Amino acid sequence: MTEITFDDFQKVEIRVGRVLRTEPYPEARKPAIKLWIDFGPELGERKSSAQLTRHYTPESLVGRQVMAVVNFPPRQIGKFRSEVLVLGVPDDDGEVVLIRPDMDVPLGGRLF
């Protein structure tokens, strides 16, 4: 594991957002879900493609708060442009389980 400084950590913008809408993304190389996420008035709405199909349906994600890195450059995922990286951790099978606040918090709040 490479150590980083606190200044390095401060460069990563991890913010809370609320999933506004979703769509299945079966054309992706690995099954994924397209997400449109509201990060509040400062950042607005951003898109993401996430490989969440093992534990989540598109419908189950709408309204849920999620944590995401918002200052990576956008990535082209097939025909979809992903603007943020939604964060999760692997379960025992290596499938994504989302990281989220355990209570509602203001949109756009930064992880510290």
Protein backbone atom coordinates (compact mmCIF):
# COMPACT_ATOMS: atom_id res chain seq x y z
CA MET A 1 0.00 0.00 0.00
CA THR A 2 1.33 3.43 -0.95
CA GLU A 3 1.09 6.11 1.72
CA ILE A 4 -0.34 9.48 0.74
CA THR A 5 -0.30 12.81 2.49
CA PHE A 6 -3.33 14.61 3.87
CA ASP A 7 -2.90 17.10 1.01
CA ASP A 8 -3.22 14.19 -1.46
CA PHE A 9 -6.47 13.13 0.21
CA GLN A 10 -7.79 16.71 0.07
CA LYS A 11 -7.48 16.62 -3.75
CA VAL A 12 -10.13 13.89 -4.00
CA GLU A 13 -13.64 15.38 -4.00
CA ILE A 14 -15.96 12.73 -2.56
CA ARG A 15 -19.49 14.12 -2.37
CA VAL A 16 -22.95 12.86 -1.49
CA GLY A 17 -25.67 12.85 -4.14
CA ARG A 18 -29.18 11.50 -4.62
CA VAL A 19 -30.03 9.19 -7.50
CA LEU A 20 -32.72 10.91 -9.59
CA ARG A 21 -33.25 8.31 -12.28
CA THR A 22 -31.72 5.14 -13.65
CA GLU A 23 -31.69 2.92 -16.71
CA PRO A 24 -30.37 -0.58 -17.31
CA TYR A 25 -27.20 -0.60 -19.43
CA PRO A 26 -27.11 -4.06 -21.00
CA GLU A 27 -24.81 -2.88 -23.84
CA ALA A 28 -21.93 -2.35 -21.39
CA ARG A 29 -19.13 -4.93 -21.45
CA LYS A 30 -20.15 -5.97 -17.92
CA PRO A 31 -23.81 -5.51 -16.92
CA ALA A 32 -24.28 -2.04 -15.47
CA ILE A 33 -26.84 0.59 -14.53
CA LYS A 34 -26.86 4.18 -15.78
CA LEU A 35 -27.39 6.69 -12.96
CA TRP A 36 -28.32 10.38 -12.99
CA ILE A 37 -27.32 11.84 -9.62
CA ASP A 38 -28.12 15.24 -8.06
CA PHE A 39 -25.18 16.67 -6.11
CA GLY A 40 -26.99 19.85 -5.04
CA PRO A 41 -26.85 23.43 -6.31
CA GLU A 42 -23.04 23.74 -6.49
CA LEU A 43 -22.39 20.67 -8.69
CA GLY A 44 -25.82 19.90 -10.13
CA GLU A 45 -26.70 16.67 -11.91
CA ARG A 46 -23.97 14.24 -13.02
CA LYS A 47 -24.09 10.84 -14.75
CA SER A 48 -22.44 7.55 -13.90
CA SER A 49 -22.35 3.99 -15.16
CA ALA A 50 -21.93 1.48 -12.34
CA GLN A 51 -21.69 -2.31 -12.20
CA LEU A 52 -24.33 -2.75 -9.51
CA THR A 53 -26.63 -5.36 -11.04
CA ARG A 54 -25.94 -8.12 -8.51
CA HIS A 55 -27.45 -6.35 -5.50
CA TYR A 56 -29.50 -3.53 -7.01
CA THR A 57 -32.19 -3.00 -9.63
CA PRO A 58 -32.46 0.33 -11.42
CA GLU A 59 -35.75 1.00 -9.58
CA SER A 60 -34.26 0.30 -6.14
CA LEU A 61 -31.60 2.99 -6.61
CA VAL A 62 -33.93 5.93 -7.32
CA GLY A 63 -34.05 8.24 -4.29
CA ARG A 64 -31.03 6.65 -2.63
CA GLN A 65 -28.11 8.76 -1.44
CA VAL A 66 -24.69 7.63 -2.70
CA MET A 67 -21.09 8.74 -2.36
CA ALA A 68 -19.05 9.51 -5.47
CA VAL A 69 -15.75 10.98 -6.60
CA VAL A 70 -16.78 14.06 -8.58
CA ASN A 71 -13.44 15.42 -9.76
CA PHE A 72 -12.14 12.62 -11.98
CA PRO A 73 -12.21 13.39 -15.70
CA PRO A 74 -15.27 11.93 -17.50
CA ARG A 75 -14.91 8.42 -19.00
CA GLN A 76 -16.58 7.06 -22.07
CA ILE A 77 -18.26 3.74 -21.21
CA GLY A 78 -19.51 2.48 -24.57
CA LYS A 79 -21.96 5.09 -25.82
CA PHE A 80 -22.44 6.59 -22.33
CA ARG A 81 -20.28 9.32 -20.79
CA SER A 82 -19.71 8.66 -17.08
CA GLU A 83 -18.93 11.87 -15.16
CA VAL A 84 -18.52 10.60 -11.58
CA LEU A 85 -17.30 7.42 -9.89
CA VAL A 86 -19.92 6.00 -7.52
CA LEU A 87 -18.18 4.32 -4.58
CA GLY A 88 -18.69 0.84 -3.22
CA VAL A 89 -16.89 -2.04 -1.56
CA PRO A 90 -16.80 -5.71 -2.58
CA ASP A 91 -18.92 -8.35 -0.89
CA ASP A 92 -17.62 -11.93 -0.35
CA ASP A 93 -18.08 -12.62 -4.09
CA GLY A 94 -16.41 -9.40 -5.24
CA GLU A 95 -19.74 -7.75 -6.17
CA VAL A 96 -20.28 -4.04 -5.46
CA VAL A 97 -22.09 -2.89 -2.33
CA LEU A 98 -22.66 0.88 -2.33
CA ILE A 99 -21.21 3.25 0.24
CA ARG A 100 -23.77 5.74 1.50
CA PRO A 101 -24.52 7.87 4.55
CA ASP A 102 -26.53 6.06 7.23
CA MET A 103 -28.95 9.01 7.40
CA ASP A 104 -30.05 11.70 4.93
CA VAL A 105 -27.54 14.53 4.65
CA PRO A 106 -27.47 17.68 2.48
CA LEU A 107 -26.66 17.00 -1.19
CA GLY A 108 -23.14 17.92 -2.23
CA GLY A 109 -21.68 17.39 1.25
CA ARG A 110 -18.02 16.50 1.10
CA LEU A 111 -16.49 13.48 2.80
CA PHE A 112 -13.88 14.42 5.39
